[in-house]
N, C-alpha and C. Protein backbone atom coordinates (compact mmCIF):
# COMPACT_ATOMS: atom_id res chain seq x y z
N MET A 1 35.47 -52.48 -85.79
CA MET A 1 35.11 -51.15 -85.64
C MET A 1 33.70 -50.95 -85.12
N HIS A 2 33.06 -51.92 -85.15
CA HIS A 2 31.71 -51.80 -84.65
C HIS A 2 31.71 -51.40 -83.19
N VAL A 3 32.67 -51.85 -82.54
CA VAL A 3 32.72 -51.51 -81.12
C VAL A 3 33.09 -50.04 -80.98
N ASN A 4 33.96 -49.59 -81.80
CA ASN A 4 34.38 -48.20 -81.68
C ASN A 4 33.27 -47.27 -82.15
N LEU A 5 32.61 -47.60 -83.25
CA LEU A 5 31.56 -46.75 -83.76
C LEU A 5 30.40 -46.76 -82.75
N THR A 6 30.07 -47.87 -82.21
CA THR A 6 29.00 -47.99 -81.23
C THR A 6 29.38 -47.17 -79.99
N LEU A 7 30.60 -47.28 -79.62
CA LEU A 7 31.06 -46.55 -78.44
C LEU A 7 30.98 -45.05 -78.68
N VAL A 8 31.35 -44.61 -79.87
CA VAL A 8 31.32 -43.19 -80.20
C VAL A 8 29.86 -42.72 -80.25
N ILE A 9 28.97 -43.52 -80.85
CA ILE A 9 27.56 -43.14 -80.93
C ILE A 9 26.97 -43.10 -79.51
N GLN A 10 27.31 -44.07 -78.73
CA GLN A 10 26.81 -44.09 -77.36
C GLN A 10 27.33 -42.87 -76.59
N MET A 11 28.57 -42.52 -76.82
CA MET A 11 29.14 -41.34 -76.16
C MET A 11 28.44 -40.08 -76.64
N ALA A 12 28.12 -40.02 -77.94
CA ALA A 12 27.43 -38.86 -78.49
C ALA A 12 26.02 -38.78 -77.90
N VAL A 13 25.33 -39.92 -77.86
CA VAL A 13 23.98 -39.96 -77.30
C VAL A 13 24.05 -39.58 -75.82
N PHE A 14 25.03 -40.08 -75.12
CA PHE A 14 25.20 -39.77 -73.71
C PHE A 14 25.47 -38.28 -73.52
N ALA A 15 26.29 -37.70 -74.37
CA ALA A 15 26.60 -36.28 -74.30
C ALA A 15 25.34 -35.46 -74.57
N VAL A 16 24.53 -35.88 -75.58
CA VAL A 16 23.29 -35.18 -75.88
C VAL A 16 22.34 -35.32 -74.70
N LEU A 17 22.28 -36.50 -74.12
CA LEU A 17 21.43 -36.73 -72.95
C LEU A 17 21.88 -35.85 -71.78
N ILE A 18 23.17 -35.76 -71.54
CA ILE A 18 23.69 -34.91 -70.47
C ILE A 18 23.36 -33.45 -70.78
N TRP A 19 23.58 -33.03 -72.04
CA TRP A 19 23.28 -31.65 -72.41
C TRP A 19 21.79 -31.37 -72.23
N PHE A 20 20.91 -32.26 -72.69
CA PHE A 20 19.47 -32.12 -72.59
C PHE A 20 19.06 -32.06 -71.12
N THR A 21 19.63 -32.97 -70.31
CA THR A 21 19.30 -33.02 -68.89
C THR A 21 19.75 -31.72 -68.20
N MET A 22 20.95 -31.27 -68.51
CA MET A 22 21.47 -30.05 -67.89
C MET A 22 20.69 -28.82 -68.38
N LYS A 23 20.26 -28.82 -69.61
CA LYS A 23 19.59 -27.66 -70.17
C LYS A 23 18.12 -27.61 -69.75
N PHE A 24 17.42 -28.71 -69.75
CA PHE A 24 15.97 -28.68 -69.53
C PHE A 24 15.52 -29.36 -68.23
N VAL A 25 16.05 -30.52 -67.92
CA VAL A 25 15.57 -31.29 -66.78
C VAL A 25 16.20 -30.76 -65.48
N TRP A 26 17.48 -30.51 -65.50
CA TRP A 26 18.18 -30.09 -64.28
C TRP A 26 17.60 -28.79 -63.70
N PRO A 27 17.31 -27.75 -64.47
CA PRO A 27 16.68 -26.56 -63.88
C PRO A 27 15.32 -26.86 -63.27
N MET A 28 14.55 -27.77 -63.84
CA MET A 28 13.25 -28.12 -63.26
C MET A 28 13.43 -28.84 -61.92
N ILE A 29 14.49 -29.60 -61.78
CA ILE A 29 14.76 -30.30 -60.51
C ILE A 29 15.41 -29.33 -59.53
N LEU A 30 16.35 -28.54 -60.02
CA LEU A 30 17.12 -27.63 -59.17
C LEU A 30 16.24 -26.48 -58.62
N GLY A 31 15.28 -25.99 -59.41
CA GLY A 31 14.40 -24.88 -58.97
C GLY A 31 13.63 -25.23 -57.71
N PRO A 32 12.88 -26.32 -57.69
CA PRO A 32 12.17 -26.67 -56.45
C PRO A 32 13.12 -26.97 -55.30
N MET A 33 14.28 -27.54 -55.60
CA MET A 33 15.23 -27.82 -54.53
C MET A 33 15.76 -26.51 -53.93
N GLN A 34 16.05 -25.54 -54.80
CA GLN A 34 16.52 -24.26 -54.30
C GLN A 34 15.41 -23.53 -53.53
N GLU A 35 14.17 -23.65 -54.04
CA GLU A 35 13.03 -23.05 -53.34
C GLU A 35 12.87 -23.67 -51.97
N ARG A 36 12.99 -24.98 -51.90
CA ARG A 36 12.88 -25.69 -50.62
C ARG A 36 14.02 -25.27 -49.70
N GLU A 37 15.22 -25.15 -50.24
CA GLU A 37 16.37 -24.72 -49.44
C GLU A 37 16.14 -23.31 -48.91
N ARG A 38 15.57 -22.44 -49.75
CA ARG A 38 15.28 -21.07 -49.34
C ARG A 38 14.23 -21.05 -48.22
N ARG A 39 13.19 -21.86 -48.37
CA ARG A 39 12.15 -21.95 -47.34
C ARG A 39 12.72 -22.47 -46.02
N ILE A 40 13.56 -23.46 -46.13
CA ILE A 40 14.19 -24.01 -44.92
C ILE A 40 15.05 -22.94 -44.26
N ALA A 41 15.81 -22.20 -45.07
CA ALA A 41 16.65 -21.12 -44.52
C ALA A 41 15.78 -20.05 -43.86
N GLN A 42 14.66 -19.71 -44.51
CA GLN A 42 13.75 -18.72 -43.93
C GLN A 42 13.16 -19.25 -42.62
N GLY A 43 12.79 -20.51 -42.61
CA GLY A 43 12.24 -21.13 -41.39
C GLY A 43 13.25 -21.11 -40.26
N LEU A 44 14.51 -21.45 -40.60
CA LEU A 44 15.56 -21.42 -39.58
C LEU A 44 15.80 -19.99 -39.08
N ALA A 45 15.78 -19.03 -40.02
CA ALA A 45 15.96 -17.63 -39.62
C ALA A 45 14.80 -17.18 -38.74
N ALA A 46 13.58 -17.58 -39.11
CA ALA A 46 12.41 -17.22 -38.31
C ALA A 46 12.48 -17.88 -36.93
N ALA A 47 12.96 -19.11 -36.89
CA ALA A 47 13.11 -19.80 -35.60
C ALA A 47 14.14 -19.08 -34.74
N ASP A 48 15.26 -18.68 -35.35
CA ASP A 48 16.27 -17.93 -34.60
C ASP A 48 15.71 -16.60 -34.11
N LYS A 49 14.97 -15.93 -34.98
CA LYS A 49 14.36 -14.65 -34.60
C LYS A 49 13.34 -14.87 -33.48
N GLY A 50 12.57 -15.94 -33.58
CA GLY A 50 11.59 -16.26 -32.55
C GLY A 50 12.27 -16.55 -31.21
N GLU A 51 13.38 -17.26 -31.25
CA GLU A 51 14.12 -17.54 -30.02
C GLU A 51 14.64 -16.25 -29.40
N GLU A 52 15.15 -15.35 -30.27
CA GLU A 52 15.65 -14.07 -29.77
C GLU A 52 14.51 -13.26 -29.15
N GLU A 53 13.36 -13.24 -29.82
CA GLU A 53 12.21 -12.52 -29.29
C GLU A 53 11.72 -13.15 -27.99
N LEU A 54 11.75 -14.48 -27.93
CA LEU A 54 11.36 -15.18 -26.72
C LEU A 54 12.31 -14.81 -25.58
N GLU A 55 13.58 -14.75 -25.87
CA GLU A 55 14.57 -14.39 -24.84
C GLU A 55 14.34 -12.94 -24.38
N ARG A 56 14.06 -12.04 -25.34
CA ARG A 56 13.77 -10.65 -24.99
C ARG A 56 12.49 -10.57 -24.15
N ALA A 57 11.50 -11.37 -24.53
CA ALA A 57 10.23 -11.36 -23.78
C ALA A 57 10.45 -11.88 -22.36
N ARG A 58 11.28 -12.92 -22.23
CA ARG A 58 11.58 -13.44 -20.89
C ARG A 58 12.30 -12.38 -20.05
N ALA A 59 13.28 -11.72 -20.67
CA ALA A 59 14.01 -10.67 -19.95
C ALA A 59 13.06 -9.53 -19.57
N SER A 60 12.17 -9.17 -20.49
CA SER A 60 11.21 -8.11 -20.20
C SER A 60 10.25 -8.54 -19.08
N ALA A 61 9.80 -9.78 -19.13
CA ALA A 61 8.90 -10.29 -18.10
C ALA A 61 9.60 -10.30 -16.74
N GLU A 62 10.86 -10.70 -16.72
CA GLU A 62 11.61 -10.70 -15.46
C GLU A 62 11.78 -9.28 -14.95
N SER A 63 12.05 -8.36 -15.86
CA SER A 63 12.19 -6.95 -15.47
C SER A 63 10.88 -6.42 -14.91
N ILE A 64 9.79 -6.71 -15.58
CA ILE A 64 8.48 -6.24 -15.11
C ILE A 64 8.14 -6.87 -13.76
N LEU A 65 8.44 -8.16 -13.62
CA LEU A 65 8.17 -8.85 -12.36
C LEU A 65 9.02 -8.25 -11.24
N ARG A 66 10.28 -7.97 -11.52
CA ARG A 66 11.17 -7.37 -10.52
C ARG A 66 10.64 -6.00 -10.11
N GLU A 67 10.22 -5.22 -11.12
CA GLU A 67 9.68 -3.89 -10.84
C GLU A 67 8.40 -3.99 -10.02
N ALA A 68 7.56 -4.97 -10.36
CA ALA A 68 6.31 -5.16 -9.60
C ALA A 68 6.61 -5.53 -8.15
N ARG A 69 7.61 -6.38 -7.96
CA ARG A 69 7.99 -6.75 -6.59
C ARG A 69 8.50 -5.53 -5.83
N GLU A 70 9.30 -4.71 -6.50
CA GLU A 70 9.81 -3.50 -5.85
C GLU A 70 8.66 -2.57 -5.49
N ARG A 71 7.73 -2.39 -6.44
CA ARG A 71 6.56 -1.54 -6.16
C ARG A 71 5.74 -2.10 -5.00
N ALA A 72 5.57 -3.40 -5.00
CA ALA A 72 4.81 -4.03 -3.91
C ALA A 72 5.51 -3.79 -2.58
N GLY A 73 6.84 -3.91 -2.58
CA GLY A 73 7.59 -3.63 -1.36
C GLY A 73 7.42 -2.19 -0.91
N VAL A 74 7.45 -1.27 -1.86
CA VAL A 74 7.26 0.15 -1.53
C VAL A 74 5.86 0.37 -0.97
N ILE A 75 4.88 -0.26 -1.62
CA ILE A 75 3.49 -0.10 -1.15
C ILE A 75 3.32 -0.68 0.25
N VAL A 76 3.93 -1.83 0.50
CA VAL A 76 3.85 -2.44 1.84
C VAL A 76 4.52 -1.52 2.86
N ASP A 77 5.69 -0.98 2.51
CA ASP A 77 6.38 -0.06 3.43
C ASP A 77 5.52 1.17 3.71
N GLN A 78 4.91 1.71 2.66
CA GLN A 78 4.06 2.88 2.84
C GLN A 78 2.85 2.54 3.72
N ALA A 79 2.29 1.37 3.49
CA ALA A 79 1.13 0.94 4.29
C ALA A 79 1.53 0.79 5.76
N GLN A 80 2.71 0.22 6.00
CA GLN A 80 3.16 0.06 7.38
C GLN A 80 3.40 1.42 8.02
N ARG A 81 4.04 2.33 7.26
CA ARG A 81 4.27 3.67 7.80
C ARG A 81 2.94 4.37 8.07
N SER A 82 2.00 4.22 7.14
CA SER A 82 0.70 4.84 7.31
C SER A 82 -0.03 4.26 8.53
N ALA A 83 0.05 2.94 8.68
CA ALA A 83 -0.59 2.29 9.83
C ALA A 83 0.04 2.78 11.13
N THR A 84 1.36 2.88 11.15
CA THR A 84 2.05 3.36 12.34
C THR A 84 1.65 4.80 12.63
N GLU A 85 1.56 5.61 11.59
CA GLU A 85 1.18 7.01 11.76
C GLU A 85 -0.25 7.12 12.28
N ILE A 86 -1.14 6.32 11.71
CA ILE A 86 -2.54 6.34 12.17
C ILE A 86 -2.62 5.89 13.62
N LEU A 87 -1.85 4.85 13.95
CA LEU A 87 -1.84 4.35 15.33
C LEU A 87 -1.31 5.41 16.27
N ASP A 88 -0.24 6.11 15.88
CA ASP A 88 0.31 7.17 16.71
C ASP A 88 -0.70 8.30 16.88
N GLN A 89 -1.39 8.65 15.79
CA GLN A 89 -2.41 9.70 15.87
C GLN A 89 -3.55 9.28 16.79
N ALA A 90 -3.95 8.01 16.69
CA ALA A 90 -5.03 7.52 17.55
C ALA A 90 -4.59 7.55 19.01
N ARG A 91 -3.34 7.15 19.26
CA ARG A 91 -2.83 7.20 20.65
C ARG A 91 -2.81 8.64 21.15
N SER A 92 -2.32 9.54 20.29
CA SER A 92 -2.26 10.95 20.68
C SER A 92 -3.66 11.49 20.96
N ALA A 93 -4.59 11.16 20.07
CA ALA A 93 -5.97 11.63 20.27
C ALA A 93 -6.56 11.04 21.55
N ALA A 94 -6.28 9.76 21.79
CA ALA A 94 -6.80 9.12 23.01
C ALA A 94 -6.17 9.76 24.25
N THR A 95 -4.87 10.05 24.18
CA THR A 95 -4.20 10.69 25.31
C THR A 95 -4.79 12.07 25.56
N GLN A 96 -4.99 12.83 24.47
CA GLN A 96 -5.58 14.17 24.62
C GLN A 96 -7.00 14.09 25.18
N GLU A 97 -7.76 13.14 24.67
CA GLU A 97 -9.13 12.97 25.16
C GLU A 97 -9.11 12.58 26.63
N GLY A 98 -8.19 11.69 27.00
CA GLY A 98 -8.06 11.29 28.40
C GLY A 98 -7.67 12.47 29.27
N GLN A 99 -6.74 13.28 28.81
CA GLN A 99 -6.34 14.47 29.56
C GLN A 99 -7.50 15.45 29.68
N ARG A 100 -8.27 15.59 28.58
CA ARG A 100 -9.41 16.47 28.62
C ARG A 100 -10.45 15.98 29.63
N LEU A 101 -10.68 14.65 29.61
CA LEU A 101 -11.65 14.09 30.56
C LEU A 101 -11.17 14.24 32.00
N VAL A 102 -9.87 14.04 32.21
CA VAL A 102 -9.31 14.20 33.57
C VAL A 102 -9.44 15.65 34.00
N ALA A 103 -9.13 16.59 33.09
CA ALA A 103 -9.24 18.01 33.43
C ALA A 103 -10.70 18.36 33.73
N ALA A 104 -11.62 17.84 32.92
CA ALA A 104 -13.04 18.11 33.16
C ALA A 104 -13.48 17.52 34.49
N ALA A 105 -12.99 16.31 34.79
CA ALA A 105 -13.35 15.68 36.06
C ALA A 105 -12.76 16.47 37.23
N GLN A 106 -11.52 16.95 37.09
CA GLN A 106 -10.91 17.74 38.16
C GLN A 106 -11.67 19.06 38.34
N GLU A 107 -12.09 19.65 37.23
CA GLU A 107 -12.86 20.88 37.31
C GLU A 107 -14.19 20.63 38.00
N GLN A 108 -14.82 19.52 37.66
CA GLN A 108 -16.10 19.18 38.27
C GLN A 108 -15.92 18.91 39.77
N ILE A 109 -14.82 18.22 40.09
CA ILE A 109 -14.52 17.95 41.50
C ILE A 109 -14.30 19.26 42.26
N ALA A 110 -13.56 20.19 41.61
CA ALA A 110 -13.32 21.49 42.25
C ALA A 110 -14.64 22.24 42.46
N LEU A 111 -15.52 22.18 41.44
CA LEU A 111 -16.82 22.85 41.59
C LEU A 111 -17.64 22.19 42.69
N ASP A 112 -17.64 20.86 42.71
CA ASP A 112 -18.39 20.15 43.75
C ASP A 112 -17.82 20.46 45.14
N ALA A 113 -16.49 20.53 45.23
CA ALA A 113 -15.86 20.85 46.51
C ALA A 113 -16.22 22.26 46.94
N ALA A 114 -16.24 23.21 45.98
CA ALA A 114 -16.59 24.59 46.31
C ALA A 114 -18.05 24.66 46.78
N ARG A 115 -18.94 23.91 46.10
CA ARG A 115 -20.35 23.88 46.53
C ARG A 115 -20.48 23.27 47.92
N ALA A 116 -19.73 22.19 48.12
CA ALA A 116 -19.78 21.53 49.44
C ALA A 116 -19.27 22.48 50.52
N LYS A 117 -18.18 23.20 50.21
CA LYS A 117 -17.65 24.16 51.19
C LYS A 117 -18.68 25.25 51.48
N GLU A 118 -19.33 25.73 50.41
CA GLU A 118 -20.33 26.78 50.59
C GLU A 118 -21.50 26.27 51.42
N GLN A 119 -21.93 25.04 51.12
CA GLN A 119 -23.02 24.45 51.91
C GLN A 119 -22.58 24.26 53.36
N LEU A 120 -21.33 23.83 53.52
CA LEU A 120 -20.81 23.63 54.88
C LEU A 120 -20.75 24.96 55.62
N ARG A 121 -20.32 26.03 54.92
CA ARG A 121 -20.26 27.35 55.56
C ARG A 121 -21.66 27.78 55.99
N GLN A 122 -22.63 27.54 55.09
CA GLN A 122 -23.99 27.93 55.44
C GLN A 122 -24.49 27.13 56.63
N GLN A 123 -24.19 25.82 56.61
CA GLN A 123 -24.63 24.99 57.73
C GLN A 123 -23.92 25.38 59.02
N VAL A 124 -22.62 25.68 58.91
CA VAL A 124 -21.87 26.13 60.10
C VAL A 124 -22.45 27.45 60.61
N GLY A 125 -22.81 28.32 59.62
CA GLY A 125 -23.43 29.59 60.03
C GLY A 125 -24.74 29.36 60.77
N VAL A 126 -25.53 28.46 60.24
CA VAL A 126 -26.82 28.16 60.88
C VAL A 126 -26.58 27.56 62.26
N ILE A 127 -25.61 26.62 62.32
CA ILE A 127 -25.29 25.98 63.62
C ILE A 127 -24.73 27.02 64.59
N ALA A 128 -23.89 27.92 64.07
CA ALA A 128 -23.31 28.95 64.93
C ALA A 128 -24.40 29.88 65.47
N VAL A 129 -25.34 30.21 64.60
CA VAL A 129 -26.44 31.08 65.03
C VAL A 129 -27.28 30.36 66.07
N ALA A 130 -27.52 29.06 65.81
CA ALA A 130 -28.31 28.28 66.77
C ALA A 130 -27.57 28.17 68.10
N ALA A 131 -26.28 27.95 68.03
CA ALA A 131 -25.49 27.84 69.27
C ALA A 131 -25.46 29.18 69.99
N ALA A 132 -25.27 30.24 69.24
CA ALA A 132 -25.24 31.56 69.86
C ALA A 132 -26.59 31.89 70.47
N ALA A 133 -27.66 31.47 69.80
CA ALA A 133 -29.00 31.73 70.32
C ALA A 133 -29.21 31.01 71.63
N LYS A 134 -28.71 29.79 71.67
CA LYS A 134 -28.87 29.04 72.90
C LYS A 134 -28.01 29.66 74.00
N LEU A 135 -26.85 30.14 73.58
CA LEU A 135 -25.98 30.76 74.58
C LEU A 135 -26.61 32.06 75.09
N LEU A 136 -27.15 32.77 74.25
CA LEU A 136 -27.73 34.04 74.65
C LEU A 136 -29.17 33.87 75.11
N GLU A 137 -29.65 32.74 74.87
CA GLU A 137 -31.00 32.35 75.21
C GLU A 137 -32.03 33.27 74.57
N ARG A 138 -31.69 33.66 73.49
CA ARG A 138 -32.66 34.39 72.70
C ARG A 138 -32.34 34.14 71.23
N GLU A 139 -33.30 34.29 70.46
CA GLU A 139 -33.12 33.99 69.04
C GLU A 139 -32.56 35.22 68.34
N ILE A 140 -31.55 34.90 67.51
CA ILE A 140 -30.94 35.99 66.74
C ILE A 140 -31.59 35.95 65.37
N ASP A 141 -31.94 37.07 64.88
CA ASP A 141 -32.57 37.15 63.56
C ASP A 141 -31.48 37.03 62.50
N ALA A 142 -31.56 35.99 61.68
CA ALA A 142 -30.53 35.73 60.66
C ALA A 142 -30.55 36.80 59.59
N ARG A 143 -31.71 37.28 59.26
CA ARG A 143 -31.79 38.32 58.22
C ARG A 143 -31.21 39.63 58.71
N ALA A 144 -31.39 39.90 59.91
CA ALA A 144 -30.90 41.15 60.48
C ALA A 144 -29.38 41.14 60.57
N HIS A 145 -28.83 39.99 60.80
CA HIS A 145 -27.37 39.89 60.99
C HIS A 145 -26.71 39.16 59.81
N GLU A 146 -27.29 39.28 58.66
CA GLU A 146 -26.79 38.56 57.47
C GLU A 146 -25.37 38.97 57.12
N ALA A 147 -25.04 40.20 57.18
CA ALA A 147 -23.69 40.67 56.85
C ALA A 147 -22.69 40.06 57.81
N LEU A 148 -23.04 40.03 59.07
CA LEU A 148 -22.16 39.45 60.08
C LEU A 148 -21.98 37.96 59.84
N LEU A 149 -23.05 37.29 59.48
CA LEU A 149 -22.99 35.86 59.20
C LEU A 149 -22.13 35.58 57.95
N ASN A 150 -22.27 36.38 56.91
CA ASN A 150 -21.47 36.22 55.69
C ASN A 150 -20.00 36.42 55.98
N GLU A 151 -19.69 37.39 56.80
CA GLU A 151 -18.29 37.62 57.18
C GLU A 151 -17.75 36.43 57.96
N PHE A 152 -18.56 35.91 58.85
CA PHE A 152 -18.15 34.75 59.66
C PHE A 152 -17.97 33.54 58.75
N ALA A 153 -18.85 33.35 57.77
CA ALA A 153 -18.74 32.22 56.83
C ALA A 153 -17.50 32.36 55.96
N ALA A 154 -17.15 33.57 55.57
CA ALA A 154 -15.96 33.78 54.73
C ALA A 154 -14.71 33.46 55.51
N GLN A 155 -14.73 33.69 56.82
CA GLN A 155 -13.55 33.37 57.64
C GLN A 155 -13.36 31.88 57.77
N LEU A 156 -14.42 31.12 57.66
CA LEU A 156 -14.32 29.66 57.77
C LEU A 156 -13.77 29.17 56.48
């Protein structure tokens, strides 16, 4: 019976040891393990959240970059249109200035031609008077016959 009594005592001691371990030791071991498991779960959740935020940030950055490219394209188009408009305005202004200069030159030429004609009329009048004087062999007074000379010059 010694074996049986020893076995029963050992079983009782083992049961008390299991009860003691489950009651006092196991919660002390299980608490930090559960805390560690909770921290790991929080870390994994934070990592998942960080990945989601990173993905959102990438999508946002791509959207902003796309919008910036579109704006840049619009700005370039506007600049090209503005440059073309300025160039057209400059051409128009240059054409108008050229036309104005040509008109002024034509007006000046007309005035010079009129002066030349007037000088020519006066010279023709003087030559005509000189020729008439030689023909008549007497000198004709230009002041006395000024009206006649003006009429003759107007006919030329």
